[in-house]
Amino acid sequence: MKKRTLALNKILFGQLLKPMRFGMVALLCGSILMSCSSGDGENQSTEAQEEPGLAQQSSNEPAEDDGKGIGPVSSIEVSAEIDDALAAEGKSIFESKCSACHQLTDQKVVGPGLLGVTEKRKPEWIMNMVINPEEMTKKDPTAKKLLAEHLTQMTNQDIAEKDARAILEFLRLNDLQAQGK
């Protein structure tokens, strides 16, 4: 009788437990996958709530669009004449830090071509974009549009204000030369 009971139990439990075993294994695997986390997901979602995306404007800090951008340069005087020594310094800085992503023509490489930039943008905006690209693309409406168009965040090259001024002078010279002046 014992053999018969064992055989019956084996058949019944074998047939009944197969689907249950499969379900338990699936549930166990799912639980393990859900519980395994590097912790990055939690931090990223918190950061995403605290810091808006690059192409989004923070509702806490509406940017006043005066065309000067966001950064340390609020006012800059540029003369009608080009300072050739400053432009030469700017050319050297441009070639070492900017030319990998920007052309002096209207051709896009990684970032936009810079031909005519001094006619489209205020000098303060250009310098602030060079000095402070991350904050500009987060808060300045024009920089946010450029980021959305080019899909690449401009790299912060850690350029000092005096070097940004030299780059501005070089870009002014480039635009004047392109006009044949």
N, C-alpha and C. Protein backbone atom coordinates (compact mmCIF):
# COMPACT_ATOMS: atom_id res chain seq x y z
N MET A 1 0.82 -1.18 0.00
CA MET A 1 0.00 0.00 0.00
C MET A 1 0.87 1.25 0.00
N LYS A 2 1.96 1.15 0.74
CA LYS A 2 2.86 2.29 0.84
C LYS A 2 3.44 2.63 -0.53
N LYS A 3 3.77 1.62 -1.32
CA LYS A 3 4.32 1.84 -2.65
C LYS A 3 3.29 2.52 -3.54
N ARG A 4 2.03 2.08 -3.38
CA ARG A 4 0.98 2.64 -4.18
C ARG A 4 0.76 4.11 -3.83
N THR A 5 0.79 4.45 -2.56
CA THR A 5 0.61 5.83 -2.10
C THR A 5 1.76 6.69 -2.60
N LEU A 6 2.95 6.17 -2.52
CA LEU A 6 4.11 6.91 -3.01
C LEU A 6 4.01 7.16 -4.50
N ALA A 7 3.58 6.17 -5.24
CA ALA A 7 3.44 6.31 -6.68
C ALA A 7 2.35 7.32 -7.02
N LEU A 8 1.23 7.26 -6.28
CA LEU A 8 0.14 8.19 -6.49
C LEU A 8 0.57 9.63 -6.15
N ASN A 9 1.24 9.77 -5.02
CA ASN A 9 1.75 11.10 -4.62
C ASN A 9 2.73 11.65 -5.65
N LYS A 10 3.58 10.79 -6.15
CA LYS A 10 4.56 11.19 -7.14
C LYS A 10 3.87 11.69 -8.41
N ILE A 11 2.85 10.96 -8.85
CA ILE A 11 2.12 11.34 -10.06
C ILE A 11 1.37 12.64 -9.83
N LEU A 12 0.61 12.70 -8.71
CA LEU A 12 -0.19 13.90 -8.44
C LEU A 12 0.70 15.13 -8.23
N PHE A 13 1.66 15.02 -7.36
CA PHE A 13 2.51 16.18 -7.08
C PHE A 13 3.37 16.54 -8.28
N GLY A 14 3.79 15.54 -9.02
CA GLY A 14 4.58 15.80 -10.22
C GLY A 14 3.79 16.58 -11.25
N GLN A 15 2.53 16.19 -11.44
CA GLN A 15 1.70 16.87 -12.42
C GLN A 15 1.22 18.23 -11.92
N LEU A 16 0.88 18.29 -10.67
CA LEU A 16 0.37 19.55 -10.11
C LEU A 16 1.49 20.55 -9.83
N LEU A 17 2.62 20.07 -9.46
CA LEU A 17 3.69 20.98 -9.04
C LEU A 17 4.49 21.56 -10.20
N LYS A 18 4.43 20.93 -11.39
CA LYS A 18 5.19 21.47 -12.53
C LYS A 18 4.81 22.92 -12.81
N PRO A 19 3.53 23.22 -13.00
CA PRO A 19 3.17 24.62 -13.25
C PRO A 19 3.50 25.52 -12.07
N MET A 20 3.32 24.98 -10.88
CA MET A 20 3.61 25.79 -9.69
C MET A 20 5.11 26.05 -9.58
N ARG A 21 5.91 25.05 -9.88
CA ARG A 21 7.36 25.23 -9.84
C ARG A 21 7.80 26.27 -10.86
N PHE A 22 7.25 26.19 -12.06
CA PHE A 22 7.59 27.16 -13.11
C PHE A 22 7.21 28.58 -12.67
N GLY A 23 6.03 28.72 -12.10
CA GLY A 23 5.58 30.02 -11.61
C GLY A 23 6.46 30.54 -10.49
N MET A 24 6.83 29.67 -9.60
CA MET A 24 7.70 30.07 -8.47
C MET A 24 9.09 30.48 -8.97
N VAL A 25 9.62 29.74 -9.92
CA VAL A 25 10.93 30.08 -10.48
C VAL A 25 10.86 31.43 -11.19
N ALA A 26 9.79 31.66 -11.96
CA ALA A 26 9.63 32.94 -12.66
C ALA A 26 9.49 34.08 -11.65
N LEU A 27 8.71 33.87 -10.60
CA LEU A 27 8.54 34.89 -9.57
C LEU A 27 9.84 35.18 -8.85
N LEU A 28 10.58 34.13 -8.53
CA LEU A 28 11.86 34.29 -7.85
C LEU A 28 12.85 35.07 -8.73
N CYS A 29 12.93 34.72 -10.02
CA CYS A 29 13.85 35.43 -10.94
C CYS A 29 13.45 36.90 -11.07
N GLY A 30 12.16 37.15 -11.20
CA GLY A 30 11.69 38.53 -11.30
C GLY A 30 12.03 39.32 -10.06
N SER A 31 11.85 38.72 -8.90
CA SER A 31 12.16 39.40 -7.63
C SER A 31 13.65 39.71 -7.54
N ILE A 32 14.46 38.76 -7.95
CA ILE A 32 15.91 38.98 -7.90
C ILE A 32 16.31 40.12 -8.83
N LEU A 33 15.76 40.13 -10.05
CA LEU A 33 16.08 41.20 -10.99
C LEU A 33 15.65 42.56 -10.47
N MET A 34 14.47 42.62 -9.87
CA MET A 34 13.97 43.90 -9.36
C MET A 34 14.77 44.38 -8.16
N SER A 35 15.21 43.44 -7.33
CA SER A 35 15.93 43.85 -6.13
C SER A 35 17.39 44.18 -6.40
N CYS A 36 17.94 43.64 -7.48
CA CYS A 36 19.33 43.92 -7.83
C CYS A 36 19.39 45.29 -8.48
N SER A 37 20.12 46.19 -7.89
CA SER A 37 20.27 47.53 -8.44
C SER A 37 21.58 48.10 -7.97
N SER A 38 22.21 48.85 -8.86
CA SER A 38 23.47 49.48 -8.48
C SER A 38 23.21 50.72 -7.65
N GLY A 39 21.95 51.13 -7.56
CA GLY A 39 21.64 52.35 -6.83
C GLY A 39 21.62 53.56 -7.73
N ASP A 40 22.13 53.43 -8.95
CA ASP A 40 22.18 54.58 -9.86
C ASP A 40 20.80 55.03 -10.28
N GLY A 41 19.88 54.10 -10.43
CA GLY A 41 18.54 54.45 -10.86
C GLY A 41 17.85 55.40 -9.90
N GLU A 42 18.01 55.13 -8.60
CA GLU A 42 17.40 56.01 -7.61
C GLU A 42 18.02 57.40 -7.66
N ASN A 43 19.34 57.45 -7.77
CA ASN A 43 20.02 58.74 -7.82
C ASN A 43 19.67 59.51 -9.08
N GLN A 44 19.57 58.82 -10.19
CA GLN A 44 19.27 59.50 -11.44
C GLN A 44 17.87 60.08 -11.42
N SER A 45 16.91 59.36 -10.88
CA SER A 45 15.55 59.90 -10.87
C SER A 45 15.48 61.10 -9.94
N THR A 46 16.20 61.08 -8.84
CA THR A 46 16.23 62.23 -7.94
C THR A 46 16.89 63.40 -8.63
N GLU A 47 18.01 63.15 -9.32
CA GLU A 47 18.68 64.23 -10.03
C GLU A 47 17.80 64.79 -11.13
N ALA A 48 17.08 63.92 -11.81
CA ALA A 48 16.22 64.39 -12.90
C ALA A 48 15.12 65.30 -12.36
N GLN A 49 14.66 65.03 -11.14
CA GLN A 49 13.64 65.88 -10.55
C GLN A 49 14.23 67.20 -10.09
N GLU A 50 15.45 67.17 -9.59
CA GLU A 50 16.08 68.37 -9.07
C GLU A 50 16.64 69.26 -10.17
N GLU A 51 17.16 68.66 -11.25
CA GLU A 51 17.81 69.43 -12.30
C GLU A 51 17.11 69.17 -13.62
N PRO A 52 16.60 70.22 -14.25
CA PRO A 52 15.92 70.00 -15.53
C PRO A 52 16.90 69.58 -16.60
N GLY A 53 16.37 68.96 -17.67
CA GLY A 53 17.20 68.53 -18.79
C GLY A 53 17.86 69.71 -19.47
N LEU A 54 18.86 69.44 -20.28
CA LEU A 54 19.62 70.50 -20.92
C LEU A 54 18.76 71.38 -21.81
N ALA A 55 17.81 70.78 -22.48
CA ALA A 55 17.00 71.55 -23.42
C ALA A 55 15.70 72.06 -22.78
N GLN A 56 15.59 71.94 -21.44
CA GLN A 56 14.40 72.43 -20.75
C GLN A 56 14.78 73.59 -19.86
N GLN A 57 13.86 74.52 -19.71
CA GLN A 57 14.13 75.67 -18.85
C GLN A 57 13.58 75.37 -17.47
N SER A 58 14.33 75.70 -16.45
CA SER A 58 13.90 75.51 -15.08
C SER A 58 12.75 76.47 -14.79
N SER A 59 11.66 75.94 -14.22
CA SER A 59 10.54 76.80 -13.90
C SER A 59 10.86 77.70 -12.72
N ASN A 60 11.85 77.32 -11.90
CA ASN A 60 12.24 78.13 -10.76
C ASN A 60 13.04 79.36 -11.16
N GLU A 61 13.72 79.29 -12.28
CA GLU A 61 14.59 80.38 -12.69
C GLU A 61 14.28 80.80 -14.12
N PRO A 62 13.23 81.58 -14.32
CA PRO A 62 12.97 82.01 -15.70
C PRO A 62 14.06 82.96 -16.15
N ALA A 63 14.57 82.68 -17.33
CA ALA A 63 15.67 83.49 -17.85
C ALA A 63 15.11 84.71 -18.58
N GLU A 64 15.66 85.85 -18.25
CA GLU A 64 15.30 87.07 -18.97
C GLU A 64 16.17 87.09 -20.21
N ASP A 65 15.53 87.15 -21.36
CA ASP A 65 16.29 87.08 -22.60
C ASP A 65 16.63 88.49 -23.07
N ASP A 66 17.77 88.98 -22.59
CA ASP A 66 18.25 90.29 -23.02
C ASP A 66 19.27 90.15 -24.14
N GLY A 67 19.49 88.90 -24.58
CA GLY A 67 20.43 88.65 -25.67
C GLY A 67 21.88 88.61 -25.23
N LYS A 68 22.11 88.72 -23.92
CA LYS A 68 23.49 88.71 -23.41
C LYS A 68 23.89 87.37 -22.82
N GLY A 69 22.95 86.47 -22.66
CA GLY A 69 23.26 85.15 -22.14
C GLY A 69 23.36 85.11 -20.63
N ILE A 70 23.78 83.96 -20.14
CA ILE A 70 23.90 83.70 -18.71
C ILE A 70 25.37 83.48 -18.40
N GLY A 71 25.91 84.27 -17.50
CA GLY A 71 27.31 84.09 -17.13
C GLY A 71 27.92 85.36 -16.58
N PRO A 72 29.23 85.37 -16.47
CA PRO A 72 29.92 86.48 -15.81
C PRO A 72 29.97 87.77 -16.63
N VAL A 73 29.77 87.69 -17.93
CA VAL A 73 29.91 88.88 -18.77
C VAL A 73 28.54 89.52 -18.95
N SER A 74 28.37 90.69 -18.33
CA SER A 74 27.09 91.40 -18.45
C SER A 74 27.21 92.61 -19.35
N SER A 75 28.44 93.09 -19.53
CA SER A 75 28.65 94.24 -20.40
C SER A 75 30.09 94.20 -20.92
N ILE A 76 30.23 94.43 -22.22
CA ILE A 76 31.56 94.46 -22.83
C ILE A 76 31.56 95.53 -23.92
N GLU A 77 32.61 96.31 -23.94
CA GLU A 77 32.77 97.34 -24.96
C GLU A 77 33.69 96.81 -26.05
N VAL A 78 33.22 96.88 -27.29
CA VAL A 78 34.06 96.52 -28.42
C VAL A 78 34.14 97.73 -29.33
N SER A 79 35.33 98.02 -29.80
CA SER A 79 35.49 99.17 -30.68
C SER A 79 35.15 98.76 -32.12
N ALA A 80 34.98 99.75 -32.95
CA ALA A 80 34.69 99.47 -34.36
C ALA A 80 35.90 98.84 -35.05
N GLU A 81 37.09 99.18 -34.57
CA GLU A 81 38.33 98.65 -35.14
C GLU A 81 38.71 97.33 -34.47
N ILE A 82 39.32 96.46 -35.24
CA ILE A 82 39.78 95.17 -34.72
C ILE A 82 41.15 95.35 -34.08
N ASP A 83 41.31 94.78 -32.90
CA ASP A 83 42.61 94.73 -32.23
C ASP A 83 43.34 93.50 -32.77
N ASP A 84 44.30 93.73 -33.69
CA ASP A 84 44.97 92.63 -34.39
C ASP A 84 45.73 91.70 -33.44
N ALA A 85 46.37 92.27 -32.42
CA ALA A 85 47.12 91.43 -31.47
C ALA A 85 46.16 90.54 -30.68
N LEU A 86 45.03 91.10 -30.25
CA LEU A 86 44.04 90.33 -29.51
C LEU A 86 43.41 89.26 -30.41
N ALA A 87 43.15 89.61 -31.66
CA ALA A 87 42.59 88.65 -32.62
C ALA A 87 43.57 87.50 -32.89
N ALA A 88 44.86 87.81 -32.96
CA ALA A 88 45.87 86.76 -33.17
C ALA A 88 45.91 85.81 -31.97
N GLU A 89 45.79 86.37 -30.78
CA GLU A 89 45.74 85.54 -29.57
C GLU A 89 44.47 84.67 -29.60
N GLY A 90 43.37 85.28 -30.01
CA GLY A 90 42.10 84.55 -30.11
C GLY A 90 42.16 83.43 -31.13
N LYS A 91 42.87 83.67 -32.24
CA LYS A 91 43.02 82.64 -33.27
C LYS A 91 43.75 81.43 -32.70
N SER A 92 44.80 81.68 -31.95
CA SER A 92 45.57 80.60 -31.34
C SER A 92 44.71 79.78 -30.37
N ILE A 93 43.93 80.47 -29.55
CA ILE A 93 43.05 79.79 -28.59
C ILE A 93 41.97 79.01 -29.35
N PHE A 94 41.39 79.65 -30.36
CA PHE A 94 40.35 79.00 -31.16
C PHE A 94 40.87 77.71 -31.79
N GLU A 95 42.05 77.78 -32.37
CA GLU A 95 42.61 76.61 -33.04
C GLU A 95 42.89 75.47 -32.07
N SER A 96 43.27 75.80 -30.84
CA SER A 96 43.59 74.74 -29.89
C SER A 96 42.37 74.22 -29.13
N LYS A 97 41.34 75.04 -28.95
CA LYS A 97 40.22 74.60 -28.12
C LYS A 97 38.88 74.52 -28.83
N CYS A 98 38.72 75.16 -29.96
CA CYS A 98 37.39 75.26 -30.57
C CYS A 98 37.27 74.59 -31.94
N SER A 99 38.37 74.53 -32.68
CA SER A 99 38.31 74.12 -34.09
C SER A 99 37.95 72.65 -34.29
N ALA A 100 38.05 71.83 -33.27
CA ALA A 100 37.65 70.43 -33.43
C ALA A 100 36.14 70.30 -33.63
N CYS A 101 35.39 71.27 -33.11
CA CYS A 101 33.92 71.20 -33.19
C CYS A 101 33.30 72.30 -34.04
N HIS A 102 34.03 73.37 -34.30
CA HIS A 102 33.48 74.52 -35.02
C HIS A 102 34.35 74.91 -36.21
N GLN A 103 33.69 75.23 -37.32
CA GLN A 103 34.35 75.79 -38.50
C GLN A 103 34.15 77.30 -38.50
N LEU A 104 35.01 78.00 -39.18
CA LEU A 104 34.88 79.46 -39.32
C LEU A 104 33.97 79.81 -40.50
N THR A 105 33.41 78.81 -41.14
CA THR A 105 32.44 78.99 -42.22
C THR A 105 31.05 78.75 -41.62
N ASP A 106 30.06 78.61 -42.48
CA ASP A 106 28.73 78.29 -41.98
C ASP A 106 28.50 76.78 -41.92
N GLN A 107 29.54 76.00 -42.15
CA GLN A 107 29.44 74.54 -42.13
C GLN A 107 29.39 74.00 -40.71
N LYS A 108 28.42 73.12 -40.46
CA LYS A 108 28.30 72.45 -39.16
C LYS A 108 29.28 71.29 -39.12
N VAL A 109 29.98 71.16 -38.02
CA VAL A 109 30.81 69.97 -37.78
C VAL A 109 30.11 69.24 -36.64
N VAL A 110 30.57 69.41 -35.43
CA VAL A 110 29.84 68.92 -34.26
C VAL A 110 28.90 70.03 -33.80
N GLY A 111 29.49 71.22 -33.66
CA GLY A 111 28.70 72.40 -33.32
C GLY A 111 28.46 73.23 -34.57
N PRO A 112 27.73 74.31 -34.41
CA PRO A 112 27.40 75.14 -35.59
C PRO A 112 28.63 75.83 -36.17
N GLY A 113 28.56 76.12 -37.46
CA GLY A 113 29.58 76.95 -38.09
C GLY A 113 29.48 78.36 -37.53
N LEU A 114 30.59 79.06 -37.42
CA LEU A 114 30.60 80.34 -36.72
C LEU A 114 30.63 81.56 -37.63
N LEU A 115 30.53 81.37 -38.92
CA LEU A 115 30.51 82.50 -39.83
C LEU A 115 29.27 83.36 -39.54
N GLY A 116 29.49 84.64 -39.28
CA GLY A 116 28.40 85.57 -39.02
C GLY A 116 27.91 85.58 -37.59
N VAL A 117 28.56 84.85 -36.71
CA VAL A 117 28.09 84.77 -35.32
C VAL A 117 28.12 86.13 -34.63
N THR A 118 29.08 86.97 -34.97
CA THR A 118 29.16 88.29 -34.31
C THR A 118 28.08 89.24 -34.81
N GLU A 119 27.44 88.90 -35.92
CA GLU A 119 26.33 89.70 -36.42
C GLU A 119 25.01 89.20 -35.83
N LYS A 120 24.93 87.91 -35.52
CA LYS A 120 23.70 87.30 -34.99
C LYS A 120 23.58 87.45 -33.48
N ARG A 121 24.70 87.45 -32.78
CA ARG A 121 24.69 87.43 -31.31
C ARG A 121 25.45 88.63 -30.75
N LYS A 122 25.02 89.03 -29.56
CA LYS A 122 25.70 90.12 -28.86
C LYS A 122 27.06 89.62 -28.36
N PRO A 123 28.02 90.52 -28.23
CA PRO A 123 29.36 90.11 -27.75
C PRO A 123 29.30 89.41 -26.38
N GLU A 124 28.44 89.89 -25.50
CA GLU A 124 28.31 89.29 -24.17
C GLU A 124 27.82 87.84 -24.28
N TRP A 125 26.87 87.60 -25.20
CA TRP A 125 26.33 86.26 -25.37
C TRP A 125 27.44 85.31 -25.84
N ILE A 126 28.23 85.75 -26.80
CA ILE A 126 29.31 84.91 -27.34
C ILE A 126 30.30 84.57 -26.23
N MET A 127 30.70 85.57 -25.48
CA MET A 127 31.67 85.32 -24.40
C MET A 127 31.08 84.42 -23.32
N ASN A 128 29.82 84.64 -22.94
CA ASN A 128 29.20 83.79 -21.93
C ASN A 128 29.05 82.36 -22.41
N MET A 129 28.78 82.17 -23.69
CA MET A 129 28.67 80.81 -24.23
C MET A 129 30.02 80.11 -24.20
N VAL A 130 31.09 80.84 -24.48
CA VAL A 130 32.44 80.28 -24.45
C VAL A 130 32.86 79.94 -23.02
N ILE A 131 32.54 80.81 -22.09
CA ILE A 131 32.95 80.65 -20.69
C ILE A 131 32.05 79.67 -19.94
N ASN A 132 30.76 79.69 -20.24
CA ASN A 132 29.75 79.07 -19.39
C ASN A 132 28.74 78.24 -20.21
N PRO A 133 29.20 77.27 -21.01
CA PRO A 133 28.28 76.60 -21.94
C PRO A 133 27.18 75.76 -21.27
N GLU A 134 27.48 75.10 -20.15
CA GLU A 134 26.47 74.25 -19.52
C GLU A 134 25.28 75.07 -19.01
N GLU A 135 25.57 76.12 -18.27
CA GLU A 135 24.49 76.94 -17.73
C GLU A 135 23.74 77.65 -18.85
N MET A 136 24.45 78.06 -19.88
CA MET A 136 23.80 78.71 -21.01
C MET A 136 22.77 77.77 -21.65
N THR A 137 23.14 76.51 -21.87
CA THR A 137 22.21 75.59 -22.52
C THR A 137 21.07 75.15 -21.60
N LYS A 138 21.20 75.41 -20.33
CA LYS A 138 20.11 75.11 -19.40
C LYS A 138 19.16 76.29 -19.25
N LYS A 139 19.67 77.52 -19.36
CA LYS A 139 18.85 78.68 -19.01
C LYS A 139 18.63 79.69 -20.12
N ASP A 140 19.53 79.80 -21.07
CA ASP A 140 19.39 80.80 -22.12
C ASP A 140 18.55 80.25 -23.27
N PRO A 141 17.49 80.96 -23.66
CA PRO A 141 16.60 80.44 -24.71
C PRO A 141 17.31 80.17 -26.05
N THR A 142 18.20 81.04 -26.45
CA THR A 142 18.90 80.85 -27.73
C THR A 142 19.83 79.64 -27.66
N ALA A 143 20.57 79.52 -26.56
CA ALA A 143 21.48 78.38 -26.40
C ALA A 143 20.70 77.07 -26.31
N LYS A 144 19.54 77.10 -25.69
CA LYS A 144 18.71 75.90 -25.61
C LYS A 144 18.23 75.47 -27.00
N LYS A 145 17.90 76.44 -27.84
CA LYS A 145 17.48 76.12 -29.21
C LYS A 145 18.64 75.51 -30.00
N LEU A 146 19.84 76.07 -29.81
CA LEU A 146 21.02 75.52 -30.49
C LEU A 146 21.31 74.09 -30.04
N LEU A 147 21.16 73.84 -28.76
CA LEU A 147 21.37 72.48 -28.25
C LEU A 147 20.34 71.52 -28.86
N ALA A 148 19.09 71.94 -28.92
CA ALA A 148 18.05 71.10 -29.51
C ALA A 148 18.33 70.85 -30.99
N GLU A 149 18.88 71.84 -31.67
CA GLU A 149 19.17 71.71 -33.10
C GLU A 149 20.38 70.82 -33.36
N HIS A 150 21.44 70.98 -32.57
CA HIS A 150 22.70 70.28 -32.83
C HIS A 150 22.88 69.03 -31.98
N LEU A 151 22.05 68.86 -30.95
CA LEU A 151 22.01 67.65 -30.11
C LEU A 151 23.33 67.31 -29.43
N THR A 152 24.18 68.29 -29.25
CA THR A 152 25.46 68.05 -28.58
C THR A 152 25.74 69.21 -27.63
N GLN A 153 26.00 68.86 -26.37
CA GLN A 153 26.34 69.88 -25.38
C GLN A 153 27.75 70.40 -25.66
N MET A 154 27.88 71.71 -25.72
CA MET A 154 29.21 72.29 -25.93
C MET A 154 30.06 71.98 -24.70
N THR A 155 31.27 71.53 -24.95
CA THR A 155 32.20 71.18 -23.88
C THR A 155 32.74 72.43 -23.22
N ASN A 156 32.79 72.40 -21.90
CA ASN A 156 33.40 73.50 -21.17
C ASN A 156 34.92 73.35 -21.28
N GLN A 157 35.55 74.29 -21.97
CA GLN A 157 36.99 74.25 -22.18
C GLN A 157 37.76 75.00 -21.10
N ASP A 158 37.05 75.45 -20.06
CA ASP A 158 37.66 76.19 -18.96
C ASP A 158 38.42 77.41 -19.49
N ILE A 159 37.70 78.21 -20.25
CA ILE A 159 38.30 79.40 -20.87
C ILE A 159 38.05 80.61 -19.98
N ALA A 160 39.12 81.32 -19.68
CA ALA A 160 39.03 82.52 -18.84
C ALA A 160 38.38 83.66 -19.62
N GLU A 161 37.88 84.64 -18.91
CA GLU A 161 37.19 85.76 -19.53
C GLU A 161 38.09 86.51 -20.52
N LYS A 162 39.36 86.70 -20.18
CA LYS A 162 40.27 87.42 -21.09
C LYS A 162 40.51 86.62 -22.38
N ASP A 163 40.53 85.28 -22.26
CA ASP A 163 40.69 84.43 -23.44
C ASP A 163 39.41 84.42 -24.29
N ALA A 164 38.27 84.47 -23.62
CA ALA A 164 36.99 84.54 -24.35
C ALA A 164 36.91 85.86 -25.12
N ARG A 165 37.45 86.91 -24.53
CA ARG A 165 37.46 88.21 -25.22
C ARG A 165 38.35 88.13 -26.47
N ALA A 166 39.47 87.42 -26.36
CA ALA A 166 40.36 87.25 -27.51
C ALA A 166 39.67 86.43 -28.61
N ILE A 167 38.96 85.39 -28.22
CA ILE A 167 38.22 84.58 -29.20
C ILE A 167 37.16 85.43 -29.89
N LEU A 168 36.46 86.26 -29.11
CA LEU A 168 35.47 87.16 -29.68
C LEU A 168 36.10 88.08 -30.72
N GLU A 169 37.26 88.62 -30.42
CA GLU A 169 37.94 89.52 -31.37
C GLU A 169 38.31 88.77 -32.64
N PHE A 170 38.76 87.53 -32.49
CA PHE A 170 39.10 86.71 -33.66
C PHE A 170 37.85 86.43 -34.50
N LEU A 171 36.73 86.14 -33.86
CA LEU A 171 35.48 85.90 -34.59
C LEU A 171 34.99 87.17 -35.29
N ARG A 172 35.19 88.31 -34.66
CA ARG A 172 34.85 89.59 -35.30
C ARG A 172 35.69 89.80 -36.55
N LEU A 173 37.00 89.52 -36.45
CA LEU A 173 37.90 89.63 -37.59
C LEU A 173 37.47 88.67 -38.71
N ASN A 174 37.14 87.44 -38.35
CA ASN A 174 36.71 86.45 -39.33
C ASN A 174 35.46 86.93 -40.07
N ASP A 175 34.52 87.49 -39.36
CA ASP A 175 33.28 87.97 -39.99
C ASP A 175 33.54 89.17 -40.90
N LEU A 176 34.43 90.06 -40.47
CA LEU A 176 34.77 91.22 -41.32
C LEU A 176 35.49 90.77 -42.60
N GLN A 177 36.41 89.83 -42.46
CA GLN A 177 37.12 89.32 -43.62
C GLN A 177 36.18 88.61 -44.59
N ALA A 178 35.20 87.92 -44.07
CA ALA A 178 34.24 87.23 -44.92
C ALA A 178 33.38 88.22 -45.71
N GLN A 179 33.20 89.41 -45.16
CA GLN A 179 32.43 90.46 -45.85
C GLN A 179 33.30 91.24 -46.81
N GLY A 180 34.60 90.93 -46.82
CA GLY A 180 35.53 91.63 -47.72
C GLY A 180 35.98 92.97 -47.19
N LYS A 181 35.87 93.18 -45.90
CA LYS A 181 36.29 94.46 -45.30
C LYS A 181 37.66 94.39 -44.69
